[in-house]
Amino acid sequence: MAQGGFRPGSGRKRGMASITAENARAFMLKEIAKDLEPIMAAQKEAAKGLWYEKLTDSGKLKIYQRDPELRTGEYLLNQLVGRPREVIQLSGEMSLKLDV
């Protein structure tokens, strides 16, 4: 009686759809990598917003022509430091007593 284990040629066969999808992903990664610097620069500019400074009697005034995109900034920070795994929200009163 067979005991299982590795058998040559067994398992699910790779279909054309998955091979085509893998090739498409590889192509997209290669194409995006070519223009990565300007793409990242545009993302950073979108996160900061489009603004100009106007001199007034009280000092410099920042006037936004396009508001900063908070989601873009959040995305860039998540790429840099990682996305938080879960959000914990607390409500009500809480007292904290530390014995040092």
PDB file of N, CA and C in Angstrom:
ATOM      1  N   MET A   1       0.845  -1.181   0.000  1.00  0.00           N
ATOM      2  CA  MET A   1       0.000   0.000   0.000  1.00  0.00           C
ATOM      3  C   MET A   1       0.886   1.238   0.000  1.00  0.00           C
ATOM      4  N   ALA A   2       0.519   2.265  -0.801  1.00  0.00           N
ATOM      5  CA  ALA A   2       1.313   3.476  -0.923  1.00  0.00           C
ATOM      6  C   ALA A   2       1.175   4.321   0.341  1.00  0.00           C
ATOM      7  N   GLN A   3       2.254   4.984   0.686  1.00  0.00           N
ATOM      8  CA  GLN A   3       2.281   5.798   1.892  1.00  0.00           C
ATOM      9  C   GLN A   3       2.183   7.299   1.602  1.00  0.00           C
ATOM     10  N   GLY A   4       1.983   7.720   0.379  1.00  0.00           N
ATOM     11  CA  GLY A   4       1.895   9.138   0.045  1.00  0.00           C
ATOM     12  C   GLY A   4       3.287   9.708  -0.200  1.00  0.00           C
ATOM     13  N   GLY A   5       3.399  11.007  -0.134  1.00  0.00           N
ATOM     14  CA  GLY A   5       4.689  11.658  -0.335  1.00  0.00           C
ATOM     15  C   GLY A   5       4.828  12.210  -1.747  1.00  0.00           C
ATOM     16  N   PHE A   6       6.038  12.613  -2.090  1.00  0.00           N
ATOM     17  CA  PHE A   6       6.325  13.219  -3.386  1.00  0.00           C
ATOM     18  C   PHE A   6       6.170  12.205  -4.502  1.00  0.00           C
ATOM     19  N   ARG A   7       5.479  12.610  -5.549  1.00  0.00           N
ATOM     20  CA  ARG A   7       5.366  11.789  -6.744  1.00  0.00           C
ATOM     21  C   ARG A   7       5.634  12.680  -7.939  1.00  0.00           C
ATOM     22  N   PRO A   8       6.584  12.330  -8.782  1.00  0.00           N
ATOM     23  CA  PRO A   8       6.892  13.155  -9.955  1.00  0.00           C
ATOM     24  C   PRO A   8       5.668  13.293 -10.860  1.00  0.00           C
ATOM     25  N   GLY A   9       5.421  14.521 -11.337  1.00  0.00           N
ATOM     26  CA  GLY A   9       4.320  14.767 -12.263  1.00  0.00           C
ATOM     27  C   GLY A   9       2.976  14.950 -11.602  1.00  0.00           C
ATOM     28  N   SER A  10       2.913  14.878 -10.272  1.00  0.00           N
ATOM     29  CA  SER A  10       1.620  15.035  -9.610  1.00  0.00           C
ATOM     30  C   SER A  10       1.367  16.509  -9.315  1.00  0.00           C
ATOM     31  N   GLY A  11       0.170  16.813  -8.917  1.00  0.00           N
ATOM     32  CA  GLY A  11      -0.174  18.182  -8.551  1.00  0.00           C
ATOM     33  C   GLY A  11      -0.887  18.903  -9.675  1.00  0.00           C
ATOM     34  N   ARG A  12      -1.318  20.093  -9.364  1.00  0.00           N
ATOM     35  CA  ARG A  12      -2.075  20.893 -10.313  1.00  0.00           C
ATOM     36  C   ARG A  12      -1.149  21.402 -11.414  1.00  0.00           C
ATOM     37  N   LYS A  13      -1.611  21.295 -12.626  1.00  0.00           N
ATOM     38  CA  LYS A  13      -0.836  21.761 -13.780  1.00  0.00           C
ATOM     39  C   LYS A  13      -1.012  23.267 -13.939  1.00  0.00           C
ATOM     40  N   ARG A  14       0.037  23.930 -14.386  1.00  0.00           N
ATOM     41  CA  ARG A  14      -0.026  25.364 -14.627  1.00  0.00           C
ATOM     42  C   ARG A  14      -0.839  25.613 -15.887  1.00  0.00           C
ATOM     43  N   GLY A  15      -1.859  26.454 -15.750  1.00  0.00           N
ATOM     44  CA  GLY A  15      -2.719  26.772 -16.881  1.00  0.00           C
ATOM     45  C   GLY A  15      -2.203  27.979 -17.645  1.00  0.00           C
ATOM     46  N   MET A  16      -2.686  28.158 -18.840  1.00  0.00           N
ATOM     47  CA  MET A  16      -2.266  29.285 -19.678  1.00  0.00           C
ATOM     48  C   MET A  16      -2.670  30.624 -19.049  1.00  0.00           C
ATOM     49  N   ALA A  17      -3.801  30.671 -18.370  1.00  0.00           N
ATOM     50  CA  ALA A  17      -4.245  31.933 -17.775  1.00  0.00           C
ATOM     51  C   ALA A  17      -3.257  32.411 -16.720  1.00  0.00           C
ATOM     52  N   SER A  18      -2.766  31.507 -15.872  1.00  0.00           N
ATOM     53  CA  SER A  18      -1.826  31.928 -14.831  1.00  0.00           C
ATOM     54  C   SER A  18      -0.466  32.290 -15.424  1.00  0.00           C
ATOM     55  N   ILE A  19      -0.040  31.601 -16.448  1.00  0.00           N
ATOM     56  CA  ILE A  19       1.234  31.924 -17.101  1.00  0.00           C
ATOM     57  C   ILE A  19       1.135  33.293 -17.772  1.00  0.00           C
ATOM     58  N   THR A  20       0.015  33.554 -18.449  1.00  0.00           N
ATOM     59  CA  THR A  20      -0.190  34.845 -19.104  1.00  0.00           C
ATOM     60  C   THR A  20      -0.236  35.971 -18.079  1.00  0.00           C
ATOM     61  N   ALA A  21      -0.901  35.743 -16.955  1.00  0.00           N
ATOM     62  CA  ALA A  21      -0.981  36.761 -15.903  1.00  0.00           C
ATOM     63  C   ALA A  21       0.406  37.042 -15.325  1.00  0.00           C
ATOM     64  N   GLU A  22       1.204  36.007 -15.102  1.00  0.00           N
ATOM     65  CA  GLU A  22       2.566  36.203 -14.588  1.00  0.00           C
ATOM     66  C   GLU A  22       3.413  36.995 -15.580  1.00  0.00           C
ATOM     67  N   ASN A  23       3.289  36.699 -16.846  1.00  0.00           N
ATOM     68  CA  ASN A  23       4.035  37.446 -17.871  1.00  0.00           C
ATOM     69  C   ASN A  23       3.593  38.903 -17.926  1.00  0.00           C
ATOM     70  N   ALA A  24       2.285  39.137 -17.786  1.00  0.00           N
ATOM     71  CA  ALA A  24       1.766  40.510 -17.800  1.00  0.00           C
ATOM     72  C   ALA A  24       2.290  41.280 -16.591  1.00  0.00           C
ATOM     73  N   ARG A  25       2.306  40.636 -15.402  1.00  0.00           N
ATOM     74  CA  ARG A  25       2.832  41.292 -14.205  1.00  0.00           C
ATOM     75  C   ARG A  25       4.302  41.625 -14.366  1.00  0.00           C
ATOM     76  N   ALA A  26       5.079  40.713 -14.904  1.00  0.00           N
ATOM     77  CA  ALA A  26       6.511  40.948 -15.110  1.00  0.00           C
ATOM     78  C   ALA A  26       6.734  42.110 -16.078  1.00  0.00           C
ATOM     79  N   PHE A  27       5.929  42.175 -17.140  1.00  0.00           N
ATOM     80  CA  PHE A  27       6.035  43.257 -18.110  1.00  0.00           C
ATOM     81  C   PHE A  27       5.699  44.596 -17.448  1.00  0.00           C
ATOM     82  N   MET A  28       4.612  44.637 -16.658  1.00  0.00           N
ATOM     83  CA  MET A  28       4.211  45.874 -15.988  1.00  0.00           C
ATOM     84  C   MET A  28       5.284  46.343 -15.007  1.00  0.00           C
ATOM     85  N   LEU A  29       5.856  45.428 -14.243  1.00  0.00           N
ATOM     86  CA  LEU A  29       6.909  45.799 -13.303  1.00  0.00           C
ATOM     87  C   LEU A  29       8.108  46.397 -14.027  1.00  0.00           C
ATOM     88  N   LYS A  30       8.476  45.803 -15.146  1.00  0.00           N
ATOM     89  CA  LYS A  30       9.617  46.297 -15.919  1.00  0.00           C
ATOM     90  C   LYS A  30       9.327  47.697 -16.469  1.00  0.00           C
ATOM     91  N   GLU A  31       8.122  47.921 -16.980  1.00  0.00           N
ATOM     92  CA  GLU A  31       7.761  49.215 -17.545  1.00  0.00           C
ATOM     93  C   GLU A  31       7.663  50.294 -16.462  1.00  0.00           C
ATOM     94  N   ILE A  32       7.094  49.958 -15.330  1.00  0.00           N
ATOM     95  CA  ILE A  32       6.980  50.924 -14.232  1.00  0.00           C
ATOM     96  C   ILE A  32       8.358  51.264 -13.681  1.00  0.00           C
ATOM     97  N   ALA A  33       9.243  50.272 -13.591  1.00  0.00           N
ATOM     98  CA  ALA A  33      10.585  50.507 -13.059  1.00  0.00           C
ATOM     99  C   ALA A  33      11.356  51.514 -13.908  1.00  0.00           C
ATOM    100  N   LYS A  34      11.078  51.571 -15.215  1.00  0.00           N
ATOM    101  CA  LYS A  34      11.758  52.520 -16.094  1.00  0.00           C
ATOM    102  C   LYS A  34      11.465  53.969 -15.683  1.00  0.00           C
ATOM    103  N   ASP A  35      10.231  54.241 -15.267  1.00  0.00           N
ATOM    104  CA  ASP A  35       9.799  55.602 -14.943  1.00  0.00           C
ATOM    105  C   ASP A  35       9.540  55.785 -13.454  1.00  0.00           C
ATOM    106  N   LEU A  36      10.187  55.007 -12.622  1.00  0.00           N
ATOM    107  CA  LEU A  36       9.891  55.038 -11.197  1.00  0.00           C
ATOM    108  C   LEU A  36      10.213  56.392 -10.559  1.00  0.00           C
ATOM    109  N   GLU A  37      11.313  57.009 -10.951  1.00  0.00           N
ATOM    110  CA  GLU A  37      11.698  58.286 -10.333  1.00  0.00           C
ATOM    111  C   GLU A  37      10.656  59.381 -10.584  1.00  0.00           C
ATOM    112  N   PRO A  38      10.225  59.615 -11.850  1.00  0.00           N
ATOM    113  CA  PRO A  38       9.194  60.643 -12.036  1.00  0.00           C
ATOM    114  C   PRO A  38       7.850  60.273 -11.411  1.00  0.00           C
ATOM    115  N   ILE A  39       7.529  58.996 -11.357  1.00  0.00           N
ATOM    116  CA  ILE A  39       6.280  58.570 -10.727  1.00  0.00           C
ATOM    117  C   ILE A  39       6.310  58.910  -9.240  1.00  0.00           C
ATOM    118  N   MET A  40       7.416  58.586  -8.583  1.00  0.00           N
ATOM    119  CA  MET A  40       7.536  58.883  -7.155  1.00  0.00           C
ATOM    120  C   MET A  40       7.556  60.391  -6.909  1.00  0.00           C
ATOM    121  N   ALA A  41       8.201  61.147  -7.786  1.00  0.00           N
ATOM    122  CA  ALA A  41       8.218  62.602  -7.639  1.00  0.00           C
ATOM    123  C   ALA A  41       6.797  63.165  -7.740  1.00  0.00           C
ATOM    124  N   ALA A  42       6.008  62.644  -8.670  1.00  0.00           N
ATOM    125  CA  ALA A  42       4.628  63.104  -8.823  1.00  0.00           C
ATOM    126  C   ALA A  42       3.793  62.740  -7.591  1.00  0.00           C
ATOM    127  N   GLN A  43       4.024  61.542  -7.036  1.00  0.00           N
ATOM    128  CA  GLN A  43       3.309  61.130  -5.830  1.00  0.00           C
ATOM    129  C   GLN A  43       3.644  62.050  -4.659  1.00  0.00           C
ATOM    130  N   LYS A  44       4.925  62.377  -4.523  1.00  0.00           N
ATOM    131  CA  LYS A  44       5.344  63.271  -3.438  1.00  0.00           C
ATOM    132  C   LYS A  44       4.740  64.661  -3.610  1.00  0.00           C
ATOM    133  N   GLU A  45       4.719  65.162  -4.842  1.00  0.00           N
ATOM    134  CA  GLU A  45       4.130  66.481  -5.097  1.00  0.00           C
ATOM    135  C   GLU A  45       2.629  66.471  -4.813  1.00  0.00           C
ATOM    136  N   ALA A  46       1.941  65.384  -5.172  1.00  0.00           N
ATOM    137  CA  ALA A  46       0.503  65.284  -4.899  1.00  0.00           C
ATOM    138  C   ALA A  46       0.250  65.266  -3.392  1.00  0.00           C
ATOM    139  N   ALA A  47       1.121  64.592  -2.644  1.00  0.00           N
ATOM    140  CA  ALA A  47       0.961  64.529  -1.195  1.00  0.00           C
ATOM    141  C   ALA A  47       1.168  65.901  -0.557  1.00  0.00           C
ATOM    142  N   LYS A  48       2.057  66.705  -1.130  1.00  0.00           N
ATOM    143  CA  LYS A  48       2.337  68.036  -0.585  1.00  0.00           C
ATOM    144  C   LYS A  48       1.324  69.080  -1.040  1.00  0.00           C
ATOM    145  N   GLY A  49       0.706  68.885  -2.180  1.00  0.00           N
ATOM    146  CA  GLY A  49      -0.228  69.867  -2.720  1.00  0.00           C
ATOM    147  C   GLY A  49       0.499  70.870  -3.596  1.00  0.00           C
ATOM    148  N   LEU A  50      -0.265  71.645  -4.312  1.00  0.00           N
ATOM    149  CA  LEU A  50       0.292  72.667  -5.191  1.00  0.00           C
ATOM    150  C   LEU A  50      -0.016  74.027  -4.581  1.00  0.00           C
ATOM    151  N   TRP A  51       1.023  74.792  -4.260  1.00  0.00           N
ATOM    152  CA  TRP A  51       0.836  76.052  -3.578  1.00  0.00           C
ATOM    153  C   TRP A  51       1.887  77.067  -4.011  1.00  0.00           C
ATOM    154  N   TYR A  52       1.616  78.305  -3.669  1.00  0.00           N
ATOM    155  CA  TYR A  52       2.601  79.368  -3.873  1.00  0.00           C
ATOM    156  C   TYR A  52       2.563  80.278  -2.656  1.00  0.00           C
ATOM    157  N   GLU A  53       3.634  81.013  -2.488  1.00  0.00           N
ATOM    158  CA  GLU A  53       3.717  81.925  -1.348  1.00  0.00           C
ATOM    159  C   GLU A  53       3.435  83.344  -1.804  1.00  0.00           C
ATOM    160  N   LYS A  54       2.697  84.051  -0.980  1.00  0.00           N
ATOM    161  CA  LYS A  54       2.381  85.450  -1.261  1.00  0.00           C
ATOM    162  C   LYS A  54       2.877  86.266  -0.073  1.00  0.00           C
ATOM    163  N   LEU A  55       3.611  87.301  -0.377  1.00  0.00           N
ATOM    164  CA  LEU A  55       4.098  88.175   0.676  1.00  0.00           C
ATOM    165  C   LEU A  55       3.001  89.145   1.092  1.00  0.00           C
ATOM    166  N   THR A  56       2.750  89.227   2.373  1.00  0.00           N
ATOM    167  CA  THR A  56       1.767  90.162   2.914  1.00  0.00           C
ATOM    168  C   THR A  56       2.455  91.009   3.977  1.00  0.00           C
ATOM    169  N   ASP A  57       1.725  91.942   4.528  1.00  0.00           N
ATOM    170  CA  ASP A  57       2.282  92.789   5.580  1.00  0.00           C
ATOM    171  C   ASP A  57       2.657  91.976   6.818  1.00  0.00           C
ATOM    172  N   SER A  58       1.901  90.901   7.080  1.00  0.00           N
ATOM    173  CA  SER A  58       2.156  90.087   8.267  1.00  0.00           C
ATOM    174  C   SER A  58       3.145  88.950   8.008  1.00  0.00           C
ATOM    175  N   GLY A  59       3.643  88.826   6.812  1.00  0.00           N
ATOM    176  CA  GLY A  59       4.610  87.772   6.498  1.00  0.00           C
ATOM    177  C   GLY A  59       4.209  86.999   5.255  1.00  0.00           C
ATOM    178  N   LYS A  60       4.737  85.782   5.172  1.00  0.00           N
ATOM    179  CA  LYS A  60       4.432  84.931   4.013  1.00  0.00           C
ATOM    180  C   LYS A  60       3.121  84.196   4.233  1.00  0.00           C
ATOM    181  N   LEU A  61       2.349  84.082   3.186  1.00  0.00           N
ATOM    182  CA  LEU A  61       1.074  83.377   3.223  1.00  0.00           C
ATOM    183  C   LEU A  61       1.120  82.276   2.176  1.00  0.00           C
ATOM    184  N   LYS A  62       0.821  81.064   2.588  1.00  0.00           N
ATOM    185  CA  LYS A  62       0.826  79.923   1.666  1.00  0.00           C
ATOM    186  C   LYS A  62      -0.581  79.773   1.097  1.00  0.00           C
ATOM    187  N   ILE A  63      -0.717  79.876  -0.226  1.00  0.00           N
ATOM    188  CA  ILE A  63      -2.014  79.761  -0.893  1.00  0.00           C
ATOM    189  C   ILE A  63      -2.003  78.488  -1.739  1.00  0.00           C
ATOM    190  N   TYR A  64      -2.941  77.593  -1.440  1.00  0.00           N
ATOM    191  CA  TYR A  64      -3.019  76.316  -2.151  1.00  0.00           C
ATOM    192  C   TYR A  64      -3.869  76.442  -3.399  1.00  0.00           C
ATOM    193  N   GLN A  65      -3.321  76.023  -4.525  1.00  0.00           N
ATOM    194  CA  GLN A  65      -4.096  75.912  -5.755  1.00  0.00           C
ATOM    195  C   GLN A  65      -4.717  74.522  -5.841  1.00  0.00           C
ATOM    196  N   ARG A  66      -4.043  73.545  -5.248  1.00  0.00           N
ATOM    197  CA  ARG A  66      -4.569  72.179  -5.158  1.00  0.00           C
ATOM    198  C   ARG A  66      -4.195  71.653  -3.777  1.00  0.00           C
ATOM    199  N   ASP A  67      -5.197  71.235  -3.013  1.00  0.00           N
ATOM    200  CA  ASP A  67      -4.962  70.752  -1.656  1.00  0.00           C
ATOM    201  C   ASP A  67      -4.085  69.499  -1.657  1.00  0.00           C
ATOM    202  N   PRO A  68      -3.335  69.298  -0.566  1.00  0.00           N
ATOM    203  CA  PRO A  68      -2.565  68.056  -0.452  1.00  0.00           C
ATOM    204  C   PRO A  68      -3.498  66.847  -0.438  1.00  0.00           C
ATOM    205  N   GLU A  69      -3.065  65.778  -1.076  1.00  0.00           N
ATOM    206  CA  GLU A  69      -3.856  64.548  -1.091  1.00  0.00           C
ATOM    207  C   GLU A  69      -3.408  63.686   0.079  1.00  0.00           C
ATOM    208  N   LEU A  70      -4.268  63.607   1.084  1.00  0.00           N
ATOM    209  CA  LEU A  70      -3.906  62.907   2.308  1.00  0.00           C
ATOM    210  C   LEU A  70      -3.719  61.407   2.078  1.00  0.00           C
ATOM    211  N   ARG A  71      -4.527  60.833   1.219  1.00  0.00           N
ATOM    212  CA  ARG A  71      -4.394  59.395   0.953  1.00  0.00           C
ATOM    213  C   ARG A  71      -3.056  59.063   0.310  1.00  0.00           C
ATOM    214  N   THR A  72      -2.585  59.945  -0.551  1.00  0.00           N
ATOM    215  CA  THR A  72      -1.287  59.723  -1.186  1.00  0.00           C
ATOM    216  C   THR A  72      -0.184  59.789  -0.147  1.00  0.00           C
ATOM    217  N   GLY A  73      -0.259  60.772   0.739  1.00  0.00           N
ATOM    218  CA  GLY A  73       0.718  60.862   1.818  1.00  0.00           C
ATOM    219  C   GLY A  73       0.680  59.651   2.715  1.00  0.00           C
ATOM    220  N   GLU A  74      -0.519  59.193   3.045  1.00  0.00           N
ATOM    221  CA  GLU A  74      -0.672  58.001   3.880  1.00  0.00           C
ATOM    222  C   GLU A  74      -0.077  56.772   3.182  1.00  0.00           C
ATOM    223  N   TYR A  75      -0.346  56.640   1.881  1.00  0.00           N
ATOM    224  CA  TYR A  75       0.198  55.522   1.114  1.00  0.00           C
ATOM    225  C   TYR A  75       1.724  55.531   1.137  1.00  0.00           C
ATOM    226  N   LEU A  76       2.320  56.709   0.906  1.00  0.00           N
ATOM    227  CA  LEU A  76       3.779  56.795   0.887  1.00  0.00           C
ATOM    228  C   LEU A  76       4.369  56.457   2.247  1.00  0.00           C
ATOM    229  N   LEU A  77       3.742  56.942   3.319  1.00  0.00           N
ATOM    230  CA  LEU A  77       4.231  56.600   4.654  1.00  0.00           C
ATOM    231  C   LEU A  77       4.091  55.114   4.940  1.00  0.00           C
ATOM    232  N   ASN A  78       2.977  54.511   4.503  1.00  0.00           N
ATOM    233  CA  ASN A  78       2.802  53.072   4.698  1.00  0.00           C
ATOM    234  C   ASN A  78       3.872  52.288   3.950  1.00  0.00           C
ATOM    235  N   GLN A  79       4.273  52.766   2.771  1.00  0.00           N
ATOM    236  CA  GLN A  79       5.327  52.091   2.024  1.00  0.00           C
ATOM    237  C   GLN A  79       6.664  52.216   2.746  1.00  0.00           C
ATOM    238  N   LEU A  80       6.860  53.337   3.425  1.00  0.00           N
ATOM    239  CA  LEU A  80       8.122  53.584   4.106  1.00  0.00           C
ATOM    240  C   LEU A  80       8.230  52.816   5.412  1.00  0.00           C
ATOM    241  N   VAL A  81       7.217  52.905   6.265  1.00  0.00           N
ATOM    242  CA  VAL A  81       7.316  52.310   7.598  1.00  0.00           C
ATOM    243  C   VAL A  81       6.417  51.096   7.794  1.00  0.00           C
ATOM    244  N   GLY A  82       5.589  50.789   6.842  1.00  0.00           N
ATOM    245  CA  GLY A  82       4.699  49.636   6.965  1.00  0.00           C
ATOM    246  C   GLY A  82       3.316  50.071   7.411  1.00  0.00           C
ATOM    247  N   ARG A  83       2.362  49.311   7.027  1.00  0.00           N
ATOM    248  CA  ARG A  83       0.972  49.614   7.352  1.00  0.00           C
ATOM    249  C   ARG A  83       0.647  49.035   8.728  1.00  0.00           C
ATOM    250  N   PRO A  84      -0.078  49.792   9.566  1.00  0.00           N
ATOM    251  CA  PRO A  84      -0.440  49.237  10.867  1.00  0.00           C
ATOM    252  C   PRO A  84      -1.337  48.017  10.698  1.00  0.00           C
ATOM    253  N   ARG A  85      -1.116  47.023  11.533  1.00  0.00           N
ATOM    254  CA  ARG A  85      -1.867  45.771  11.395  1.00  0.00           C
ATOM    255  C   ARG A  85      -3.322  45.908  11.827  1.00  0.00           C
ATOM    256  N   GLU A  86      -3.568  46.661  12.896  1.00  0.00           N
ATOM    257  CA  GLU A  86      -4.945  46.842  13.333  1.00  0.00           C
ATOM    258  C   GLU A  86      -5.073  48.176  14.041  1.00  0.00           C
ATOM    259  N   VAL A  87      -6.284  48.680  14.066  1.00  0.00           N
ATOM    260  CA  VAL A  87      -6.568  49.946  14.721  1.00  0.00           C
ATOM    261  C   VAL A  87      -7.343  49.645  15.992  1.00  0.00           C
ATOM    262  N   ILE A  88      -6.888  50.196  17.092  1.00  0.00           N
ATOM    263  CA  ILE A  88      -7.570  50.004  18.371  1.00  0.00           C
ATOM    264  C   ILE A  88      -8.150  51.343  18.789  1.00  0.00           C
ATOM    265  N   GLN A  89      -9.457  51.382  18.972  1.00  0.00           N
ATOM    266  CA  GLN A  89     -10.114  52.603  19.413  1.00  0.00           C
ATOM    267  C   GLN A  89     -10.620  52.392  20.829  1.00  0.00           C
ATOM    268  N   LEU A  90     -10.296  53.325  21.689  1.00  0.00           N
ATOM    269  CA  LEU A  90     -10.737  53.269  23.073  1.00  0.00           C
ATOM    270  C   LEU A  90     -11.726  54.388  23.316  1.00  0.00           C
ATOM    271  N   SER A  91     -12.730  54.114  24.131  1.00  0.00           N
ATOM    272  CA  SER A  91     -13.657  55.165  24.493  1.00  0.00           C
ATOM    273  C   SER A  91     -13.947  55.040  25.978  1.00  0.00           C
ATOM    274  N   GLY A  92     -14.407  56.104  26.541  1.00  0.00           N
ATOM    275  CA  GLY A  92     -14.705  56.101  27.965  1.00  0.00           C
ATOM    276  C   GLY A  92     -13.538  56.611  28.768  1.00  0.00           C
ATOM    277  N   GLU A  93     -13.700  56.551  30.094  1.00  0.00           N
ATOM    278  CA  GLU A  93     -12.646  57.027  30.975  1.00  0.00           C
ATOM    279  C   GLU A  93     -11.697  55.894  31.298  1.00  0.00           C
ATOM    280  N   MET A  94     -10.445  56.252  31.385  1.00  0.00           N
ATOM    281  CA  MET A  94      -9.453  55.238  31.692  1.00  0.00           C
ATOM    282  C   MET A  94      -8.425  55.872  32.611  1.00  0.00           C
ATOM    283  N   SER A  95      -8.090  55.183  33.674  1.00  0.00           N
ATOM    284  CA  SER A  95      -7.044  55.701  34.539  1.00  0.00           C
ATOM    285  C   SER A  95      -5.859  54.744  34.459  1.00  0.00           C
ATOM    286  N   LEU A  96      -4.700  55.317  34.503  1.00  0.00           N
ATOM    287  CA  LEU A  96      -3.482  54.545  34.381  1.00  0.00           C
ATOM    288  C   LEU A  96      -2.658  54.779  35.638  1.00  0.00           C
ATOM    289  N   LYS A  97      -2.339  53.689  36.313  1.00  0.00           N
ATOM    290  CA  LYS A  97      -1.554  53.808  37.534  1.00  0.00           C
ATOM    291  C   LYS A  97      -0.265  53.031  37.326  1.00  0.00           C
ATOM    292  N   LEU A  98       0.822  53.736  37.451  1.00  0.00           N
ATOM    293  CA  LEU A  98       2.130  53.120  37.268  1.00  0.00           C
ATOM    294  C   LEU A  98       2.838  53.037  38.615  1.00  0.00           C
ATOM    295  N   ASP A  99       3.298  51.872  38.960  1.00  0.00           N
ATOM    296  CA  ASP A  99       4.130  51.702  40.148  1.00  0.00           C
ATOM    297  C   ASP A  99       5.551  51.522  39.695  1.00  0.00           C
ATOM    298  N   VAL A 100       6.369  52.521  39.961  1.00  0.00           N
ATOM    299  CA  VAL A 100       7.755  52.473  39.481  1.00  0.00           C
ATOM    300  C   VAL A 100       8.657  52.183  40.634  1.00  0.00           C
TER     301      VAL A 100
END
